[in-house]
Amino acid sequence: MNKHDFYYDLPKELIAQKPIEPRDESRLLVYDRKSDNVAHKHFYDLESILRPDDLLVINNTRVLPAKIVGTKEDTGATITFLLHKRIDTHTWETLCRPAKRAKVGCTLKFSDELRGEIVGEGEEGARTVKFYYDGVFETILYNIGEMPLPHYIRETLTDKERYQTVYAKQNGSAAAPTAGLHFTDKLMKALKDKGVEFVEVLLHVGLGTFLPVKTDNILDHKMHSEYYCVTDEAASAINKAKRDGRRVIAVGTTSVRTLESCANADGTVRSGQGETDIFIYPPYKFKVPDGIITNFHLPESTLIMLISAFVGREKTLELYKTAVEEKYRFFSFGDACFFQ
């Protein structure tokens, strides 16, 4: 299958540059696969759309302000680093620009509290950095780092918390699980009062999720691995919902990938933790989710391929064309979809 099979035209003005306020005022395209019906709603309408016994699976990862700028201690040149994945207490996989300045052995100063040394090199700007600091690394990072917003967002984000879900807990992501950005505490309470159950899983979103597919044949694309964790309690709640015939709805493609990485053939899930590089594209038989809440994704991305596997490639492109005509807002700070 060719990556161009997942291409669609998108006017630049439909790429959302700022998050909408309040969060749940974003629009929601609802598509029912059985009836082939499309409805145009708002995210707060989930209170009336969802069933009282639905179970929503949310990713409780928290985004680190992972973009930091270092000064080479020998030349004074500046290099921008994007923290990608933690290897151990002091060592991270990163992407840097300009990479030609970042050779193994060079040392950098990021602040009075934080220094680093490049201890490994990889392809396309990948560098392994060992950090030296006093205090709590996350606290230092929060003080000096910027949120790693996608390249298509050109405006500065003044409130770092606006690139976090309201239920974010576990530090470790290089990007937000953006489908969850639409939830408010008020909406979650209303859904819980209705009987909707929330179950938390964890997948630390890495840069690999968002890297472009460069190979024409998508089967030649290699996904980067990401850390996930499904607790015994979460697995038990999901499996009970499946036994009871209730719908399991994944909030975001990261939750989908976590569920499918832990799925058994009968649609139940295993608890556990580890690394996953699962790549979902058509044709794929989903084992766990009965519905997906997600944002609109980039053309030719692995994420639109995942949605195409759930909805169908032609139908996905048809729905995206409708969203363009209806002037939905696209990508990380854009509107949402509910596929059921």
Protein backbone atom coordinates (compact mmCIF):
# COMPACT_ATOMS: atom_id res chain seq x y z
CA MET A 1 0.00 0.00 0.00
CA ASN A 2 1.35 3.42 -0.97
CA LYS A 3 1.51 6.34 1.44
CA HIS A 4 -0.14 8.56 -1.17
CA ASP A 5 -3.26 6.44 -0.72
CA PHE A 6 -3.72 8.38 2.53
CA TYR A 7 -3.28 11.88 1.12
CA TYR A 8 -5.89 14.64 1.24
CA ASP A 9 -5.84 18.36 0.45
CA LEU A 10 -5.95 20.68 3.44
CA PRO A 11 -6.00 24.49 3.25
CA LYS A 12 -3.40 25.93 5.62
CA GLU A 13 -5.93 28.23 7.23
CA LEU A 14 -7.71 25.19 8.70
CA ILE A 15 -4.66 24.19 10.77
CA ALA A 16 -5.51 25.32 14.30
CA GLN A 17 -2.85 27.58 15.81
CA LYS A 18 -4.44 28.08 19.23
CA PRO A 19 -6.51 25.86 21.52
CA ILE A 20 -10.16 26.81 21.79
CA GLU A 21 -11.62 27.94 25.12
CA PRO A 22 -13.25 26.32 26.91
CA ARG A 23 -11.76 23.02 25.84
CA ASP A 24 -15.04 21.22 25.19
CA GLU A 25 -16.36 23.96 22.86
CA SER A 26 -14.43 22.28 20.03
CA ARG A 27 -16.50 20.74 17.28
CA LEU A 28 -17.07 16.99 17.04
CA LEU A 29 -17.66 15.03 13.85
CA VAL A 30 -19.61 11.90 14.76
CA TYR A 31 -19.65 8.93 12.37
CA ASP A 32 -21.66 5.77 12.95
CA ARG A 33 -20.18 2.88 10.98
CA LYS A 34 -23.34 0.74 11.09
CA SER A 35 -25.77 3.39 9.85
CA ASP A 36 -23.20 5.30 7.78
CA ASN A 37 -24.58 8.44 9.39
CA VAL A 38 -22.54 11.64 9.89
CA ALA A 39 -23.48 14.26 12.48
CA HIS A 40 -21.86 17.59 13.32
CA LYS A 41 -21.79 18.23 17.05
CA HIS A 42 -19.64 19.83 19.76
CA PHE A 43 -17.40 17.95 22.17
CA TYR A 44 -19.64 18.75 25.13
CA ASP A 45 -22.39 16.82 23.32
CA LEU A 46 -20.63 13.61 24.37
CA GLU A 47 -22.78 13.86 27.48
CA SER A 48 -25.83 13.05 25.36
CA ILE A 49 -24.08 10.89 22.74
CA LEU A 50 -22.37 8.37 25.00
CA ARG A 51 -24.26 5.51 26.61
CA PRO A 52 -24.49 5.24 30.41
CA ASP A 53 -22.48 2.01 30.45
CA ASP A 54 -19.70 3.06 28.05
CA LEU A 55 -16.10 2.72 29.19
CA LEU A 56 -13.60 5.36 28.04
CA VAL A 57 -9.90 4.47 27.98
CA ILE A 58 -7.71 7.55 28.52
CA ASN A 59 -3.95 7.99 28.40
CA ASN A 60 -2.73 9.70 31.59
CA THR A 61 0.73 10.60 30.28
CA ARG A 62 2.03 14.08 30.98
CA VAL A 63 4.04 16.10 28.46
CA LEU A 64 7.47 17.32 29.48
CA PRO A 65 8.57 20.81 28.35
CA ALA A 66 11.09 18.85 26.36
CA LYS A 67 12.50 21.52 24.05
CA ILE A 68 15.69 22.99 25.50
CA VAL A 69 18.54 25.07 24.11
CA GLY A 70 22.15 24.39 25.05
CA THR A 71 25.32 26.41 24.52
CA LYS A 72 28.47 24.53 23.56
CA GLU A 73 31.03 25.19 26.25
CA ASP A 74 33.96 25.33 23.83
CA THR A 75 32.57 27.55 21.04
CA GLY A 76 29.44 29.21 22.45
CA ALA A 77 27.33 27.86 19.57
CA THR A 78 23.71 27.10 20.41
CA ILE A 79 21.97 23.79 19.72
CA THR A 80 18.28 23.01 20.23
CA PHE A 81 17.42 19.61 21.71
CA LEU A 82 14.11 17.79 21.86
CA LEU A 83 14.03 15.12 24.56
CA HIS A 84 12.58 11.95 23.07
CA LYS A 85 12.95 9.04 25.48
CA ARG A 86 14.53 8.54 28.88
CA ILE A 87 17.14 5.77 28.93
CA ASP A 88 18.05 6.00 32.62
CA THR A 89 18.08 8.56 35.43
CA HIS A 90 20.52 10.89 33.67
CA THR A 91 20.50 9.83 30.01
CA TRP A 92 18.03 10.68 27.23
CA GLU A 93 17.57 9.98 23.57
CA THR A 94 17.10 13.34 21.83
CA LEU A 95 16.78 14.99 18.46
CA CYS A 96 18.91 18.08 17.90
CA ARG A 97 19.36 20.91 15.41
CA PRO A 98 21.80 21.71 13.94
CA ALA A 99 23.08 18.17 14.36
CA LYS A 100 26.43 18.86 12.69
CA ARG A 101 27.48 20.87 15.74
CA ALA A 102 26.63 18.06 18.14
CA LYS A 103 29.47 15.55 18.14
CA VAL A 104 30.16 12.86 20.71
CA GLY A 105 32.16 14.33 23.55
CA CYS A 106 30.97 17.90 23.30
CA THR A 107 29.59 19.44 26.48
CA LEU A 108 26.78 21.94 26.78
CA LYS A 109 25.32 24.35 29.29
CA PHE A 110 21.54 24.61 29.40
CA SER A 111 21.27 26.66 32.61
CA ASP A 112 23.16 27.20 35.86
CA GLU A 113 21.55 24.00 37.14
CA LEU A 114 21.80 21.84 34.03
CA ARG A 115 24.67 20.69 31.83
CA GLY A 116 24.99 17.84 29.37
CA GLU A 117 27.42 15.74 27.36
CA ILE A 118 26.72 14.03 24.05
CA VAL A 119 27.58 10.36 24.48
CA GLY A 120 26.07 8.84 21.33
CA GLU A 121 25.06 9.66 17.76
CA GLY A 122 22.27 8.33 15.57
CA GLU A 123 20.67 9.10 12.24
CA GLU A 124 18.73 12.24 11.29
CA GLY A 125 19.85 14.35 14.23
CA ALA A 126 19.42 11.71 16.92
CA ARG A 127 21.81 12.18 19.85
CA THR A 128 22.17 10.50 23.24
CA VAL A 129 22.76 13.06 25.97
CA LYS A 130 23.88 12.49 29.54
CA PHE A 131 22.72 15.27 31.85
CA TYR A 132 24.40 16.59 35.00
CA TYR A 133 22.31 18.53 37.51
CA ASP A 134 21.54 19.24 41.13
CA GLY A 135 17.97 18.87 42.26
CA VAL A 136 14.95 17.39 40.49
CA PHE A 137 15.39 17.06 36.73
CA GLU A 138 11.70 17.59 35.96
CA THR A 139 11.63 20.80 38.01
CA ILE A 140 14.65 22.17 36.17
CA LEU A 141 13.13 21.17 32.86
CA TYR A 142 9.84 22.88 33.70
CA ASN A 143 11.71 26.11 34.45
CA ILE A 144 13.88 26.23 31.31
CA GLY A 145 12.08 24.08 28.74
CA GLU A 146 9.42 24.85 26.16
CA MET A 147 6.53 22.65 25.15
CA PRO A 148 7.50 20.65 22.04
CA LEU A 149 4.69 21.89 19.83
CA PRO A 150 4.43 20.40 16.32
CA HIS A 151 6.12 22.27 13.49
CA TYR A 152 2.81 23.37 11.98
CA ILE A 153 1.95 25.45 15.08
CA ARG A 154 3.70 28.77 14.60
CA GLU A 155 2.23 30.71 17.52
CA THR A 156 3.76 30.68 20.99
CA LEU A 157 1.89 28.82 23.72
CA THR A 158 1.78 31.06 26.79
CA ASP A 159 0.21 28.52 29.15
CA LYS A 160 2.13 25.23 29.28
CA GLU A 161 -0.80 23.49 30.94
CA ARG A 162 -2.92 24.05 27.84
CA TYR A 163 -0.86 21.34 26.09
CA GLN A 164 -1.75 18.90 28.88
CA THR A 165 -4.93 16.92 29.38
CA VAL A 166 -6.80 17.74 32.59
CA TYR A 167 -6.10 14.16 33.72
CA ALA A 168 -2.35 14.11 32.92
CA LYS A 169 -0.32 12.44 35.70
CA GLN A 170 2.77 10.52 34.57
CA ASN A 171 5.66 12.63 33.22
CA GLY A 172 7.35 11.31 30.11
CA SER A 173 5.77 12.34 26.80
CA ALA A 174 7.36 14.36 24.01
CA ALA A 175 3.92 15.29 22.68
CA ALA A 176 0.37 15.44 23.98
CA PRO A 177 -2.25 12.74 23.43
CA THR A 178 -4.30 15.45 21.74
CA ALA A 179 -7.72 13.77 21.66
CA GLY A 180 -7.82 14.17 25.43
CA LEU A 181 -7.22 17.93 25.28
CA HIS A 182 -10.96 18.46 24.70
CA PHE A 183 -12.06 17.12 28.08
CA THR A 184 -12.83 19.43 30.98
CA ASP A 185 -13.25 18.47 34.62
CA LYS A 186 -16.89 19.53 34.35
CA LEU A 187 -17.54 17.31 31.33
CA MET A 188 -15.80 14.33 32.91
CA LYS A 189 -17.91 14.73 36.06
CA ALA A 190 -21.09 14.92 33.99
CA LEU A 191 -20.14 11.76 32.12
CA LYS A 192 -19.31 9.92 35.33
CA ASP A 193 -22.61 11.04 36.86
CA LYS A 194 -24.32 9.56 33.80
CA GLY A 195 -22.59 6.22 34.41
CA VAL A 196 -19.72 6.42 31.93
CA GLU A 197 -16.61 4.75 33.32
CA PHE A 198 -13.07 6.09 32.83
CA VAL A 199 -10.04 3.79 32.85
CA GLU A 200 -6.49 5.10 32.70
CA VAL A 201 -3.65 3.52 30.75
CA LEU A 202 -0.23 4.96 29.98
CA LEU A 203 1.70 5.44 26.78
CA HIS A 204 4.51 7.98 26.72
CA VAL A 205 4.11 9.61 23.33
CA GLY A 206 7.40 9.65 21.45
CA LEU A 207 8.40 11.52 18.35
CA GLY A 208 8.06 8.38 16.28
CA THR A 209 4.29 8.67 16.40
CA PHE A 210 4.51 11.92 14.47
CA LEU A 211 7.49 11.38 12.20
CA PRO A 212 6.50 11.44 8.53
CA VAL A 213 6.31 8.26 6.51
CA LYS A 214 9.19 8.68 4.07
CA THR A 215 8.91 5.38 2.25
CA ASP A 216 6.45 5.09 -0.63
CA ASN A 217 5.51 1.58 0.45
CA ILE A 218 4.11 1.95 3.98
CA LEU A 219 5.25 -1.58 4.82
CA ASP A 220 8.83 -0.26 4.71
CA HIS A 221 8.13 2.33 7.40
CA LYS A 222 9.58 1.56 10.84
CA MET A 223 7.82 2.84 13.95
CA HIS A 224 9.86 4.02 16.94
CA SER A 225 9.04 2.20 20.17
CA GLU A 226 7.20 3.88 23.03
CA TYR A 227 6.77 2.91 26.69
CA TYR A 228 3.33 1.73 27.80
CA CYS A 229 1.76 0.42 30.99
CA VAL A 230 -1.60 -1.22 31.66
CA THR A 231 -2.23 -1.94 35.33
CA ASP A 232 -4.02 -5.00 36.67
CA GLU A 233 -6.91 -2.76 37.72
CA ALA A 234 -7.22 -1.20 34.25
CA ALA A 235 -7.10 -4.57 32.50
CA SER A 236 -9.71 -5.98 34.88
CA ALA A 237 -12.10 -3.06 34.26
CA ILE A 238 -11.70 -3.28 30.48
CA ASN A 239 -12.18 -7.04 30.46
CA LYS A 240 -15.28 -6.77 32.64
CA ALA A 241 -16.77 -4.26 30.19
CA LYS A 242 -16.07 -6.65 27.30
CA ARG A 243 -17.69 -9.55 29.18
CA ASP A 244 -20.74 -7.41 29.97
CA GLY A 245 -21.16 -6.43 26.32
CA ARG A 246 -20.43 -2.76 27.01
CA ARG A 247 -18.61 -0.51 24.57
CA VAL A 248 -14.91 0.19 25.10
CA ILE A 249 -14.06 3.54 23.56
CA ALA A 250 -10.44 4.60 23.17
CA VAL A 251 -9.65 8.28 23.63
CA GLY A 252 -6.87 8.95 21.15
CA THR A 253 -4.69 6.84 18.89
CA THR A 254 -2.22 6.37 21.76
CA SER A 255 -4.89 4.59 23.79
CA VAL A 256 -5.77 2.50 20.73
CA ARG A 257 -2.17 1.46 20.25
CA THR A 258 -1.82 0.62 23.94
CA LEU A 259 -4.95 -1.54 23.93
CA GLU A 260 -4.00 -3.36 20.75
CA SER A 261 -0.46 -3.95 22.04
CA CYS A 262 -1.94 -5.79 25.03
CA ALA A 263 -4.84 -7.47 23.25
CA ASN A 264 -5.68 -11.14 23.35
CA ALA A 265 -7.41 -12.85 20.44
CA ASP A 266 -10.76 -12.83 22.30
CA GLY A 267 -10.74 -9.04 22.75
CA THR A 268 -9.57 -9.01 26.34
CA VAL A 269 -6.36 -7.27 27.38
CA ARG A 270 -3.34 -8.28 29.41
CA SER A 271 -1.86 -6.09 32.10
CA GLY A 272 1.82 -5.28 31.78
CA GLN A 273 4.38 -2.75 30.70
CA GLY A 274 7.08 -2.50 28.09
CA GLU A 275 7.85 -1.02 24.69
CA THR A 276 5.52 -1.09 21.72
CA ASP A 277 6.19 -0.24 18.08
CA ILE A 278 2.81 -1.44 16.81
CA PHE A 279 1.93 0.02 13.40
CA ILE A 280 -1.77 -0.21 12.53
CA TYR A 281 -2.88 0.21 8.92
CA PRO A 282 -5.51 -1.36 6.62
CA PRO A 283 -6.44 -4.14 6.65
CA TYR A 284 -6.34 -4.65 10.41
CA LYS A 285 -8.82 -6.43 12.67
CA PHE A 286 -9.23 -4.48 15.90
CA LYS A 287 -9.59 -6.64 18.98
CA VAL A 288 -10.51 -4.19 21.75
CA PRO A 289 -11.97 -0.74 20.91
CA ASP A 290 -15.57 -0.39 19.77
CA GLY A 291 -15.14 3.32 19.20
CA ILE A 292 -12.41 5.92 18.90
CA ILE A 293 -12.37 9.58 19.90
CA THR A 294 -9.56 11.33 18.05
CA ASN A 295 -8.42 14.50 16.32
CA PHE A 296 -7.95 15.06 12.59
CA HIS A 297 -4.53 13.82 11.50
CA LEU A 298 -1.91 14.82 8.95
CA PRO A 299 -2.08 13.49 5.39
CA GLU A 300 0.03 10.35 4.81
CA SER A 301 0.68 9.97 8.56
CA THR A 302 0.67 6.71 10.52
CA LEU A 303 -2.25 8.12 12.52
CA ILE A 304 -4.58 8.58 9.56
CA MET A 305 -3.57 5.06 8.51
CA LEU A 306 -4.74 3.78 11.92
CA ILE A 307 -8.08 5.56 11.55
CA SER A 308 -8.39 4.21 8.01
CA ALA A 309 -8.02 0.71 9.41
CA PHE A 310 -10.93 1.37 11.80
CA VAL A 311 -13.28 3.27 9.47
CA GLY A 312 -12.06 2.22 6.03
CA ARG A 313 -9.62 4.16 3.86
CA GLU A 314 -12.10 5.54 1.36
CA LYS A 315 -14.61 6.47 4.05
CA THR A 316 -11.90 8.18 6.12
CA LEU A 317 -10.86 10.32 3.17
CA GLU A 318 -14.52 11.07 2.44
CA LEU A 319 -15.08 12.19 6.04
CA TYR A 320 -11.95 14.32 5.98
CA LYS A 321 -13.16 15.95 2.75
CA THR A 322 -16.44 16.72 4.51
CA ALA A 323 -14.55 18.17 7.47
CA VAL A 324 -12.58 20.45 5.13
CA GLU A 325 -15.80 21.61 3.45
CA GLU A 326 -17.37 22.24 6.87
CA LYS A 327 -14.24 24.15 7.93
CA TYR A 328 -13.35 22.04 10.93
CA ARG A 329 -10.09 22.96 12.67
CA PHE A 330 -7.33 20.40 12.11
CA PHE A 331 -4.47 18.74 14.04
CA SER A 332 -3.28 19.12 17.65
CA PHE A 333 -5.30 22.17 18.71
CA GLY A 334 -8.13 21.41 16.29
CA ASP A 335 -11.51 19.71 16.49
CA ALA A 336 -12.32 16.09 17.19
CA CYS A 337 -14.02 13.01 15.71
CA PHE A 338 -15.97 10.21 17.31
CA PHE A 339 -16.01 7.02 15.25
CA GLN A 340 -18.38 4.37 16.61
